[in-house]
Amino acid sequence: MIVVAWGVLGVVLALAAVLAPLWMVSSTTIPESDRRLELQNSVRGTLLQAAAGTMVLATAVLAYYQLRSSQKQTEIAGTDLDIRIVEQLNSGTPEIRLAGILGLERAAAREPQDLERVLQLLEVFARRSVPLNRSQPTAPEPPPLGVRHPEVQEALRVYTHIRPVLGWSEVTAQHERNIAEQRFDAPTFQLVDLRGADLRYANLQLCDLQSSSMRGANLSRADLLGAQLSGCDLTGAILPFARLGQCTLVLAKADKAFAMNATSGPLTSRRPP
């Protein structure tokens, strides 16, 4: 309504610029034609300037309202997307849960400002989906994670590949801060069953994997810089060219783990394009 009012006012001023000078400076008040024409043009110019200014202001107001409307629509769409994805992640059907994971990957690519929220959802989903039950009796090794829970494997792939990669100094600073403050403010995958997981080229920097099972997991060229692996079962894990600098490995099991050319320094190669 405000924009319409400004537009109407601009049209009225434009018409006034044409008609008002003839009424305000008439032949009755100014008999001389040259002088009358000069005054009429002067009045007309003033009114046209006012009309132009009004139209510019109306355009600015319209642009503002369009921007606000677009922002509100984006917020509503984002909320709807969140609700739909959360419903998919909580579905009892693996295929629907997998669709939710792929939706989160697209959301992170489309809206970089939502990356942190997407990472949190993926972290919670993985931790909740495959908790490690240590009370169960020892059983034969299960199939790989991608066979048992393909949606969890996909969640880990998305999570570990969209996380920002930190530099050595950044990880060192965070690692020292955690030790000084006796806390570990980082992604938590404690007591998670990751047996047979495919974590090649995964970015697991500073992740808390304490007491989790990663038996037979493929961690080739994974970046575990500063990760907490205390009590973690790495039996039979594949670790060639993995980066293990500043890891905490207290009471970790690594029987038959294959760690050829694992390094504590920079990785020789990141994940393939």
Protein backbone atom coordinates (compact mmCIF):
# COMPACT_ATOMS: atom_id res chain seq x y z
CA MET A 1 0.00 0.00 0.00
CA ILE A 2 2.82 2.39 0.83
CA VAL A 3 4.46 1.78 -2.53
CA VAL A 4 1.16 2.29 -4.36
CA ALA A 5 0.60 5.56 -2.51
CA TRP A 6 4.05 6.83 -3.50
CA GLY A 7 3.44 5.81 -7.09
CA VAL A 8 0.09 7.63 -7.21
CA LEU A 9 1.70 10.70 -5.70
CA GLY A 10 4.40 10.62 -8.38
CA VAL A 11 1.80 10.43 -11.16
CA VAL A 12 -0.16 13.32 -9.62
CA LEU A 13 2.98 15.45 -9.45
CA ALA A 14 3.80 14.63 -13.07
CA LEU A 15 0.33 15.75 -14.19
CA ALA A 16 0.62 18.81 -12.00
CA ALA A 17 3.92 19.65 -13.67
CA VAL A 18 2.10 19.81 -16.99
CA LEU A 19 -1.13 21.58 -15.93
CA ALA A 20 -0.25 23.61 -12.84
CA PRO A 21 2.05 26.14 -14.60
CA LEU A 22 -0.78 27.10 -16.99
CA TRP A 23 -3.02 27.85 -14.04
CA MET A 24 -0.41 29.40 -11.71
CA VAL A 25 1.14 31.67 -14.40
CA SER A 26 -1.72 32.71 -16.64
CA SER A 27 -2.03 35.48 -19.19
CA THR A 28 -4.17 37.35 -16.70
CA THR A 29 -1.42 37.56 -14.09
CA ILE A 30 1.52 37.87 -16.52
CA PRO A 31 0.49 39.55 -19.79
CA GLU A 32 3.96 39.42 -21.33
CA SER A 33 4.22 36.12 -23.22
CA ASP A 34 8.02 35.71 -22.93
CA ARG A 35 8.00 36.38 -19.20
CA ARG A 36 4.96 34.12 -18.72
CA LEU A 37 6.59 31.26 -20.65
CA GLU A 38 9.78 31.62 -18.62
CA LEU A 39 7.89 31.43 -15.32
CA GLN A 40 5.79 28.51 -16.49
CA ASN A 41 8.93 26.58 -17.45
CA SER A 42 10.48 27.38 -14.08
CA VAL A 43 7.43 26.07 -12.19
CA ARG A 44 7.22 23.05 -14.48
CA GLY A 45 10.90 22.21 -13.88
CA THR A 46 10.46 22.39 -10.10
CA LEU A 47 7.42 20.11 -10.18
CA LEU A 48 9.12 17.64 -12.52
CA GLN A 49 12.10 17.43 -10.16
CA ALA A 50 9.74 16.74 -7.27
CA ALA A 51 7.96 14.06 -9.31
CA ALA A 52 11.28 12.44 -10.28
CA GLY A 53 12.45 12.44 -6.66
CA THR A 54 9.18 10.86 -5.58
CA MET A 55 9.51 8.11 -8.17
CA VAL A 56 13.10 7.40 -7.13
CA LEU A 57 12.01 7.15 -3.52
CA ALA A 58 9.12 4.87 -4.48
CA THR A 59 11.52 2.64 -6.41
CA ALA A 60 13.85 2.40 -3.39
CA VAL A 61 10.96 1.55 -1.10
CA LEU A 62 9.74 -1.10 -3.55
CA ALA A 63 13.23 -2.65 -3.76
CA TYR A 64 13.43 -2.76 0.04
CA TYR A 65 10.09 -4.54 0.37
CA GLN A 66 11.02 -7.01 -2.36
CA LEU A 67 14.28 -7.80 -0.56
CA ARG A 68 12.47 -8.33 2.74
CA SER A 69 9.92 -10.54 1.04
CA SER A 70 12.65 -12.61 -0.59
CA GLN A 71 14.46 -13.02 2.73
CA LYS A 72 11.28 -14.16 4.46
CA GLN A 73 10.57 -16.67 1.68
CA THR A 74 14.13 -18.00 1.98
CA GLU A 75 13.77 -18.36 5.75
CA ILE A 76 10.46 -20.18 5.35
CA ALA A 77 11.92 -22.45 2.66
CA GLY A 78 14.93 -23.19 4.91
CA THR A 79 12.64 -24.06 7.82
CA ASP A 80 10.54 -26.35 5.63
CA LEU A 81 13.74 -27.99 4.36
CA ASP A 82 14.98 -28.58 7.92
CA ILE A 83 11.68 -30.16 8.95
CA ARG A 84 11.57 -32.39 5.88
CA ILE A 85 15.18 -33.56 6.25
CA VAL A 86 14.81 -34.26 9.97
CA GLU A 87 11.70 -36.32 9.20
CA GLN A 88 13.68 -38.24 6.57
CA LEU A 89 16.56 -38.90 8.98
CA ASN A 90 14.09 -40.27 11.54
CA SER A 91 12.38 -42.51 9.00
CA GLY A 92 12.26 -46.26 9.53
CA THR A 93 13.21 -46.85 5.89
CA PRO A 94 16.97 -46.81 5.02
CA GLU A 95 16.30 -45.40 1.54
CA ILE A 96 14.45 -42.42 2.99
CA ARG A 97 17.20 -41.81 5.53
CA LEU A 98 19.72 -41.91 2.68
CA ALA A 99 17.67 -39.31 0.80
CA GLY A 100 17.87 -37.09 3.88
CA ILE A 101 21.67 -37.40 3.94
CA LEU A 102 21.92 -36.41 0.28
CA GLY A 103 19.56 -33.51 0.97
CA LEU A 104 21.91 -32.26 3.67
CA GLU A 105 24.87 -32.49 1.28
CA ARG A 106 22.99 -30.37 -1.28
CA ALA A 107 21.96 -27.88 1.41
CA ALA A 108 25.59 -27.43 2.52
CA ALA A 109 26.70 -26.82 -1.08
CA ARG A 110 23.85 -24.41 -1.79
CA GLU A 111 23.99 -22.45 1.49
CA PRO A 112 27.55 -22.34 2.90
CA GLN A 113 26.31 -20.46 5.97
CA ASP A 114 24.37 -23.62 6.92
CA LEU A 115 27.49 -25.81 6.95
CA GLU A 116 27.82 -25.91 10.75
CA ARG A 117 24.17 -26.91 11.16
CA VAL A 118 24.51 -29.64 8.52
CA LEU A 119 27.63 -31.02 10.22
CA GLN A 120 25.83 -31.17 13.57
CA LEU A 121 22.88 -33.06 12.07
CA LEU A 122 25.19 -35.58 10.38
CA GLU A 123 27.21 -36.06 13.55
CA VAL A 124 24.13 -36.74 15.67
CA PHE A 125 22.66 -39.05 13.03
CA ALA A 126 25.80 -41.21 12.81
CA ARG A 127 26.28 -41.36 16.57
CA ARG A 128 22.64 -42.31 17.19
CA SER A 129 22.40 -44.83 14.34
CA VAL A 130 25.33 -47.13 15.19
CA PRO A 131 26.01 -47.03 18.94
CA LEU A 132 28.56 -49.56 20.16
CA ASN A 133 27.03 -52.15 22.47
CA ARG A 134 29.88 -53.59 24.50
CA SER A 135 27.59 -55.79 26.56
CA GLN A 136 26.99 -58.08 23.60
CA PRO A 137 29.01 -61.30 23.56
CA THR A 138 31.85 -61.55 21.08
CA ALA A 139 30.49 -62.38 17.63
CA PRO A 140 32.01 -62.93 14.18
CA GLU A 141 33.10 -59.81 12.36
CA PRO A 142 30.06 -58.14 10.76
CA PRO A 143 29.88 -57.03 7.11
CA PRO A 144 31.37 -53.61 6.29
CA LEU A 145 29.47 -50.57 7.51
CA GLY A 146 28.43 -49.74 3.94
CA VAL A 147 26.60 -53.06 3.77
CA ARG A 148 25.10 -52.97 7.27
CA HIS A 149 24.08 -49.32 7.26
CA PRO A 150 24.65 -47.67 3.85
CA GLU A 151 22.96 -44.46 5.02
CA VAL A 152 25.42 -44.15 7.94
CA GLN A 153 28.37 -44.79 5.62
CA GLU A 154 27.05 -42.05 3.35
CA ALA A 155 26.58 -39.71 6.30
CA LEU A 156 30.21 -40.23 7.31
CA ARG A 157 31.36 -39.63 3.73
CA VAL A 158 29.49 -36.35 3.51
CA TYR A 159 30.51 -35.28 7.01
CA THR A 160 34.22 -35.98 6.66
CA HIS A 161 34.48 -34.48 3.16
CA ILE A 162 32.66 -31.17 3.74
CA ARG A 163 34.37 -30.31 7.03
CA PRO A 164 36.80 -27.40 6.70
CA VAL A 165 40.41 -28.61 6.82
CA LEU A 166 42.42 -26.89 9.54
CA GLY A 167 46.10 -26.08 9.33
CA TRP A 168 48.69 -27.63 11.64
CA SER A 169 48.94 -24.49 13.80
CA GLU A 170 45.14 -24.24 14.16
CA VAL A 171 44.86 -27.84 15.28
CA THR A 172 47.79 -27.39 17.66
CA ALA A 173 46.22 -24.33 19.25
CA GLN A 174 42.86 -26.07 19.69
CA HIS A 175 44.54 -29.22 21.00
CA GLU A 176 46.53 -27.26 23.60
CA ARG A 177 43.43 -25.30 24.61
CA ASN A 178 41.48 -28.52 25.15
CA ILE A 179 44.24 -29.92 27.35
CA ALA A 180 44.60 -26.69 29.35
CA GLU A 181 40.85 -26.43 29.94
CA GLN A 182 40.44 -30.20 30.43
CA ARG A 183 37.68 -30.43 27.90
CA PHE A 184 37.30 -31.67 24.37
CA ASP A 185 35.06 -29.34 22.42
CA ALA A 186 34.98 -31.22 19.13
CA PRO A 187 32.82 -33.59 17.07
CA THR A 188 32.00 -36.57 19.26
CA PHE A 189 31.81 -40.15 18.00
CA GLN A 190 32.45 -41.89 21.30
CA LEU A 191 31.26 -45.49 21.63
CA VAL A 192 30.24 -45.67 17.95
CA ASP A 193 30.35 -48.89 15.95
CA LEU A 194 32.41 -48.00 12.86
CA ARG A 195 33.66 -51.50 12.09
CA GLY A 196 34.50 -51.85 8.42
CA ALA A 197 33.79 -48.19 7.68
CA ASP A 198 35.21 -46.67 4.51
CA LEU A 199 36.96 -43.52 5.74
CA ARG A 200 39.52 -43.02 3.00
CA TYR A 201 40.64 -39.39 2.72
CA ALA A 202 38.28 -38.55 5.61
CA ASN A 203 38.83 -35.34 7.54
CA LEU A 204 38.65 -36.50 11.18
CA GLN A 205 40.75 -33.72 12.63
CA LEU A 206 40.17 -33.24 16.38
CA CYS A 207 37.32 -35.77 16.36
CA ASP A 208 36.58 -37.56 19.62
CA LEU A 209 36.54 -41.27 18.76
CA GLN A 210 37.28 -42.57 22.25
CA SER A 211 36.22 -46.14 22.99
CA SER A 212 34.73 -46.56 19.50
CA SER A 213 35.28 -49.63 17.36
CA MET A 214 37.01 -49.07 14.03
CA ARG A 215 38.03 -52.68 13.49
CA GLY A 216 38.90 -53.25 9.84
CA ALA A 217 38.07 -49.64 8.90
CA ASN A 218 39.82 -48.24 5.85
CA LEU A 219 41.54 -45.02 6.93
CA SER A 220 43.93 -44.67 3.99
CA ARG A 221 45.16 -41.06 3.79
CA ALA A 222 42.68 -40.05 6.46
CA ASP A 223 43.51 -36.90 8.42
CA LEU A 224 43.36 -37.80 12.13
CA LEU A 225 45.42 -34.83 13.27
CA GLY A 226 44.67 -34.16 16.95
CA ALA A 227 41.99 -36.87 17.15
CA GLN A 228 41.14 -38.57 20.44
CA LEU A 229 41.58 -42.31 19.94
CA SER A 230 41.96 -43.44 23.55
CA GLY A 231 40.44 -46.86 24.06
CA CYS A 232 39.58 -47.07 20.35
CA ASP A 233 39.69 -50.51 18.74
CA LEU A 234 41.75 -50.21 15.54
CA THR A 235 42.34 -53.94 15.15
CA GLY A 236 42.95 -54.72 11.49
CA ALA A 237 42.44 -51.09 10.47
CA ILE A 238 44.04 -49.93 7.23
CA LEU A 239 46.07 -46.76 7.86
CA PRO A 240 48.60 -46.24 5.05
CA PHE A 241 49.55 -42.59 4.57
CA ALA A 242 47.13 -41.52 7.32
CA ARG A 243 48.10 -38.46 9.37
CA LEU A 244 48.21 -39.31 13.07
CA GLY A 245 49.99 -36.26 14.50
CA GLN A 246 48.96 -35.19 18.02
CA CYS A 247 46.57 -38.14 18.36
CA THR A 248 45.78 -39.50 21.80
CA LEU A 249 46.15 -43.29 21.66
CA VAL A 250 46.04 -44.31 25.34
CA LEU A 251 44.82 -47.92 25.65
CA ALA A 252 43.98 -48.03 21.95
CA LYS A 253 44.10 -51.46 20.31
CA ALA A 254 45.92 -51.70 16.99
CA ASP A 255 46.61 -55.41 16.52
CA LYS A 256 47.20 -56.31 12.87
CA ALA A 257 46.62 -52.69 11.85
CA PHE A 258 48.31 -51.81 8.56
CA ALA A 259 49.89 -48.37 8.93
CA MET A 260 52.57 -48.22 6.22
CA ASN A 261 53.83 -44.66 5.65
CA ALA A 262 51.48 -43.18 8.24
CA THR A 263 52.76 -39.74 9.18
CA SER A 264 52.54 -37.16 11.92
CA GLY A 265 53.18 -34.33 9.48
CA PRO A 266 51.31 -32.90 6.46
CA LEU A 267 49.56 -35.36 4.21
CA THR A 268 51.30 -36.08 0.93
CA SER A 269 47.98 -36.01 -0.87
CA ARG A 270 44.43 -34.94 -0.17
CA ARG A 271 41.36 -36.83 -1.36
CA PRO A 272 40.99 -37.18 -5.12
CA PRO A 273 38.97 -34.51 -6.97
